[in-house]
Amino acid sequence: MRISNAFNDEVGQGYLVLWSVAELAKADGYELFEFQVNRFLIGSNGDPTAYGIIGGSYISIPFVFAGAWSEEVRVLGRTFDEFIKAVETGEGS
């Protein structure tokens, strides 16, 4: 973020869109993440999957889900490097 303020490109077998600061400010409109200190969205895979952070873990979650959102969350890593490796191998979709 300090270097580019956004990212949008292929990463290995996956695709990663990291939103700019302006886009991040709009992301709190999603009901799940509205007014939550320990959960926020950071981007997407360019399709129906959002990427975010919940309680210090990098996660993927569908933008649209049925039932309890907690059942839709998939942890991709505890660090940014683990998150990127998961996206690179296609686990983020």
N, C-alpha and C. Protein backbone atom coordinates (compact mmCIF):
# COMPACT_ATOMS: atom_id res chain seq x y z
N MET A 1 0.82 -1.18 0.00
CA MET A 1 0.00 0.00 0.00
C MET A 1 0.87 1.26 0.00
N ARG A 2 1.95 1.21 0.72
CA ARG A 2 2.81 2.39 0.75
C ARG A 2 3.49 2.64 -0.59
N ILE A 3 3.70 1.57 -1.35
CA ILE A 3 4.39 1.70 -2.62
C ILE A 3 3.44 1.94 -3.78
N SER A 4 2.34 1.18 -3.84
CA SER A 4 1.49 1.27 -5.03
C SER A 4 0.06 1.71 -4.75
N ASN A 5 -0.43 1.60 -3.54
CA ASN A 5 -1.79 1.95 -3.15
C ASN A 5 -2.86 1.09 -3.81
N ALA A 6 -2.48 0.00 -4.45
CA ALA A 6 -3.43 -0.95 -5.04
C ALA A 6 -2.63 -2.00 -5.82
N PHE A 7 -3.32 -3.09 -6.17
CA PHE A 7 -2.70 -4.13 -6.99
C PHE A 7 -3.82 -4.84 -7.73
N ASN A 8 -3.57 -5.21 -9.00
CA ASN A 8 -4.57 -5.89 -9.80
C ASN A 8 -3.85 -6.69 -10.89
N ASP A 9 -3.61 -7.99 -10.63
CA ASP A 9 -2.88 -8.81 -11.60
C ASP A 9 -2.90 -10.28 -11.18
N GLU A 10 -2.43 -11.11 -12.10
CA GLU A 10 -2.27 -12.52 -11.80
C GLU A 10 -1.15 -12.71 -10.79
N VAL A 11 -1.33 -13.70 -9.91
CA VAL A 11 -0.31 -14.07 -8.94
C VAL A 11 -0.24 -15.58 -8.99
N GLY A 12 0.74 -16.10 -9.70
CA GLY A 12 0.83 -17.55 -9.87
C GLY A 12 -0.41 -18.08 -10.56
N GLN A 13 -1.08 -19.07 -9.93
CA GLN A 13 -2.30 -19.66 -10.48
C GLN A 13 -3.55 -18.87 -10.11
N GLY A 14 -3.41 -17.86 -9.28
CA GLY A 14 -4.56 -17.08 -8.83
C GLY A 14 -4.56 -15.68 -9.39
N TYR A 15 -5.55 -14.93 -8.97
CA TYR A 15 -5.68 -13.52 -9.36
C TYR A 15 -5.92 -12.72 -8.09
N LEU A 16 -5.27 -11.57 -8.00
CA LEU A 16 -5.35 -10.78 -6.78
C LEU A 16 -5.63 -9.32 -7.10
N VAL A 17 -6.67 -8.80 -6.48
CA VAL A 17 -6.98 -7.38 -6.53
C VAL A 17 -6.91 -6.88 -5.09
N LEU A 18 -5.93 -6.03 -4.81
CA LEU A 18 -5.86 -5.36 -3.51
C LEU A 18 -6.36 -3.95 -3.73
N TRP A 19 -7.37 -3.57 -2.99
CA TRP A 19 -8.02 -2.28 -3.20
C TRP A 19 -7.17 -1.12 -2.73
N SER A 20 -7.36 0.02 -3.37
CA SER A 20 -6.69 1.26 -2.97
C SER A 20 -7.29 1.75 -1.65
N VAL A 21 -6.66 2.73 -1.05
CA VAL A 21 -7.17 3.28 0.20
C VAL A 21 -8.59 3.82 0.00
N ALA A 22 -8.85 4.48 -1.12
CA ALA A 22 -10.20 5.01 -1.40
C ALA A 22 -11.22 3.87 -1.50
N GLU A 23 -10.85 2.77 -2.15
CA GLU A 23 -11.75 1.63 -2.26
C GLU A 23 -11.97 0.94 -0.92
N LEU A 24 -10.93 0.87 -0.10
CA LEU A 24 -11.05 0.27 1.23
C LEU A 24 -12.05 1.05 2.08
N ALA A 25 -12.07 2.35 1.93
CA ALA A 25 -13.00 3.17 2.70
C ALA A 25 -14.45 2.83 2.36
N LYS A 26 -14.71 2.41 1.12
CA LYS A 26 -16.06 2.05 0.70
C LYS A 26 -16.45 0.63 1.12
N ALA A 27 -15.50 -0.20 1.46
CA ALA A 27 -15.74 -1.62 1.72
C ALA A 27 -16.56 -1.87 2.97
N ASP A 28 -16.70 -0.88 3.84
CA ASP A 28 -17.48 -1.12 5.05
C ASP A 28 -18.98 -1.17 4.77
N GLY A 29 -19.37 -0.99 3.53
CA GLY A 29 -20.77 -1.11 3.16
C GLY A 29 -21.27 -2.55 3.15
N TYR A 30 -20.37 -3.50 3.18
CA TYR A 30 -20.77 -4.90 3.25
C TYR A 30 -21.18 -5.21 4.68
N GLU A 31 -22.38 -5.73 4.85
CA GLU A 31 -22.97 -5.91 6.17
C GLU A 31 -22.05 -6.65 7.15
N LEU A 32 -21.40 -7.69 6.68
CA LEU A 32 -20.53 -8.50 7.54
C LEU A 32 -19.42 -7.66 8.17
N PHE A 33 -18.88 -6.72 7.42
CA PHE A 33 -17.70 -6.00 7.85
C PHE A 33 -18.00 -4.59 8.36
N GLU A 34 -19.25 -4.19 8.35
CA GLU A 34 -19.61 -2.84 8.76
C GLU A 34 -19.32 -2.63 10.24
N PHE A 35 -18.58 -1.57 10.54
CA PHE A 35 -18.29 -1.15 11.91
C PHE A 35 -17.63 -2.25 12.74
N GLN A 36 -16.76 -3.03 12.18
CA GLN A 36 -16.05 -4.08 12.91
C GLN A 36 -14.56 -3.76 12.93
N VAL A 37 -14.00 -3.68 14.11
CA VAL A 37 -12.59 -3.35 14.27
C VAL A 37 -11.69 -4.49 13.81
N ASN A 38 -12.08 -5.72 14.09
CA ASN A 38 -11.20 -6.86 13.82
C ASN A 38 -11.52 -7.58 12.51
N ARG A 39 -12.39 -7.01 11.66
CA ARG A 39 -12.69 -7.61 10.36
C ARG A 39 -12.83 -6.54 9.30
N PHE A 40 -12.12 -6.74 8.21
CA PHE A 40 -12.28 -5.80 7.11
C PHE A 40 -11.84 -6.45 5.80
N LEU A 41 -12.39 -5.97 4.72
CA LEU A 41 -12.05 -6.47 3.39
C LEU A 41 -10.84 -5.72 2.86
N ILE A 42 -10.02 -6.43 2.07
CA ILE A 42 -8.85 -5.81 1.48
C ILE A 42 -8.83 -5.92 -0.03
N GLY A 43 -9.70 -6.76 -0.61
CA GLY A 43 -9.71 -6.92 -2.05
C GLY A 43 -10.53 -8.11 -2.49
N SER A 44 -10.16 -8.66 -3.65
CA SER A 44 -10.91 -9.80 -4.19
C SER A 44 -10.03 -10.60 -5.14
N ASN A 45 -10.64 -11.63 -5.71
CA ASN A 45 -9.95 -12.41 -6.74
C ASN A 45 -10.39 -11.97 -8.13
N GLY A 46 -11.08 -10.83 -8.20
CA GLY A 46 -11.57 -10.32 -9.47
C GLY A 46 -12.87 -10.96 -9.90
N ASP A 47 -13.37 -11.87 -9.11
CA ASP A 47 -14.62 -12.58 -9.36
C ASP A 47 -15.47 -12.52 -8.10
N PRO A 48 -16.16 -13.59 -7.74
CA PRO A 48 -17.11 -13.51 -6.63
C PRO A 48 -16.52 -13.69 -5.23
N THR A 49 -15.21 -13.73 -5.11
CA THR A 49 -14.59 -13.98 -3.82
C THR A 49 -13.91 -12.72 -3.29
N ALA A 50 -14.22 -12.39 -2.04
CA ALA A 50 -13.57 -11.26 -1.37
C ALA A 50 -12.42 -11.79 -0.52
N TYR A 51 -11.42 -10.95 -0.36
CA TYR A 51 -10.33 -11.23 0.56
C TYR A 51 -10.42 -10.24 1.70
N GLY A 52 -10.12 -10.71 2.90
CA GLY A 52 -10.19 -9.83 4.04
C GLY A 52 -9.33 -10.31 5.17
N ILE A 53 -9.48 -9.65 6.29
CA ILE A 53 -8.76 -10.01 7.50
C ILE A 53 -9.78 -10.11 8.62
N ILE A 54 -9.76 -11.23 9.33
CA ILE A 54 -10.61 -11.43 10.49
C ILE A 54 -9.72 -11.90 11.63
N GLY A 55 -9.70 -11.12 12.69
CA GLY A 55 -8.93 -11.50 13.88
C GLY A 55 -7.48 -11.83 13.61
N GLY A 56 -6.87 -11.13 12.67
CA GLY A 56 -5.46 -11.35 12.36
C GLY A 56 -5.18 -12.40 11.30
N SER A 57 -6.20 -13.10 10.80
CA SER A 57 -6.02 -14.09 9.74
C SER A 57 -6.51 -13.54 8.41
N TYR A 58 -5.76 -13.82 7.36
CA TYR A 58 -6.17 -13.46 6.01
C TYR A 58 -7.15 -14.52 5.53
N ILE A 59 -8.29 -14.07 5.00
CA ILE A 59 -9.36 -15.00 4.66
C ILE A 59 -9.90 -14.75 3.26
N SER A 60 -10.63 -15.74 2.76
CA SER A 60 -11.45 -15.53 1.58
C SER A 60 -12.89 -15.83 1.98
N ILE A 61 -13.82 -15.13 1.36
CA ILE A 61 -15.24 -15.32 1.63
C ILE A 61 -16.02 -14.88 0.39
N PRO A 62 -17.05 -15.60 0.01
CA PRO A 62 -17.85 -15.17 -1.14
C PRO A 62 -18.51 -13.82 -0.84
N PHE A 63 -18.63 -12.97 -1.87
CA PHE A 63 -19.35 -11.71 -1.69
C PHE A 63 -20.80 -11.98 -1.33
N VAL A 64 -21.37 -13.04 -1.90
CA VAL A 64 -22.75 -13.42 -1.62
C VAL A 64 -22.72 -14.81 -1.00
N PHE A 65 -23.34 -14.95 0.16
CA PHE A 65 -23.35 -16.25 0.83
C PHE A 65 -24.73 -16.51 1.41
N ALA A 66 -25.03 -17.77 1.57
CA ALA A 66 -26.31 -18.18 2.15
C ALA A 66 -26.03 -18.77 3.52
N GLY A 67 -26.85 -18.44 4.48
CA GLY A 67 -26.64 -18.99 5.81
C GLY A 67 -25.63 -18.19 6.60
N ALA A 68 -25.05 -18.83 7.58
CA ALA A 68 -24.08 -18.18 8.46
C ALA A 68 -22.78 -17.85 7.72
N TRP A 69 -22.37 -16.59 7.78
CA TRP A 69 -21.15 -16.18 7.09
C TRP A 69 -19.93 -16.92 7.62
N SER A 70 -19.93 -17.26 8.90
CA SER A 70 -18.77 -17.93 9.50
C SER A 70 -18.49 -19.29 8.86
N GLU A 71 -19.50 -19.90 8.28
CA GLU A 71 -19.31 -21.18 7.60
C GLU A 71 -18.71 -21.00 6.21
N GLU A 72 -18.71 -19.79 5.70
CA GLU A 72 -18.19 -19.49 4.36
C GLU A 72 -16.74 -19.01 4.38
N VAL A 73 -16.23 -18.65 5.56
CA VAL A 73 -14.87 -18.12 5.68
C VAL A 73 -13.85 -19.22 5.50
N ARG A 74 -12.84 -18.92 4.72
CA ARG A 74 -11.73 -19.84 4.52
C ARG A 74 -10.43 -19.12 4.89
N VAL A 75 -9.71 -19.61 5.87
CA VAL A 75 -8.45 -18.97 6.28
C VAL A 75 -7.36 -19.34 5.27
N LEU A 76 -6.69 -18.30 4.76
CA LEU A 76 -5.63 -18.50 3.77
C LEU A 76 -4.25 -18.31 4.38
N GLY A 77 -4.17 -17.76 5.57
CA GLY A 77 -2.87 -17.60 6.22
C GLY A 77 -2.94 -16.64 7.39
N ARG A 78 -1.95 -16.74 8.26
CA ARG A 78 -1.86 -15.83 9.41
C ARG A 78 -0.96 -14.65 9.11
N THR A 79 -0.16 -14.75 8.05
CA THR A 79 0.71 -13.65 7.64
C THR A 79 0.41 -13.28 6.20
N PHE A 80 0.86 -12.10 5.79
CA PHE A 80 0.64 -11.67 4.41
C PHE A 80 1.36 -12.61 3.44
N ASP A 81 2.55 -13.08 3.80
CA ASP A 81 3.28 -14.02 2.94
C ASP A 81 2.51 -15.33 2.76
N GLU A 82 1.93 -15.86 3.83
CA GLU A 82 1.12 -17.08 3.72
C GLU A 82 -0.10 -16.83 2.83
N PHE A 83 -0.72 -15.68 2.97
CA PHE A 83 -1.86 -15.29 2.15
C PHE A 83 -1.47 -15.27 0.67
N ILE A 84 -0.36 -14.63 0.34
CA ILE A 84 0.09 -14.55 -1.05
C ILE A 84 0.40 -15.94 -1.60
N LYS A 85 1.04 -16.79 -0.81
CA LYS A 85 1.33 -18.16 -1.26
C LYS A 85 0.04 -18.93 -1.55
N ALA A 86 -0.99 -18.73 -0.72
CA ALA A 86 -2.27 -19.39 -0.96
C ALA A 86 -2.90 -18.91 -2.26
N VAL A 87 -2.84 -17.62 -2.52
CA VAL A 87 -3.37 -17.08 -3.78
C VAL A 87 -2.57 -17.62 -4.95
N GLU A 88 -1.25 -17.66 -4.83
CA GLU A 88 -0.37 -18.17 -5.89
C GLU A 88 -0.72 -19.60 -6.28
N THR A 89 -1.10 -20.42 -5.34
CA THR A 89 -1.41 -21.82 -5.62
C THR A 89 -2.87 -22.03 -6.00
N GLY A 90 -3.64 -20.94 -6.07
CA GLY A 90 -5.03 -21.05 -6.46
C GLY A 90 -6.00 -21.36 -5.35
N GLU A 91 -5.53 -21.33 -4.10
CA GLU A 91 -6.39 -21.65 -2.96
C GLU A 91 -7.37 -20.53 -2.63
N GLY A 92 -7.13 -19.35 -3.12
CA GLY A 92 -7.96 -18.21 -2.75
C GLY A 92 -9.29 -18.13 -3.44
N SER A 93 -9.50 -18.91 -4.47
CA SER A 93 -10.75 -18.80 -5.24
C SER A 93 -11.86 -19.61 -4.65
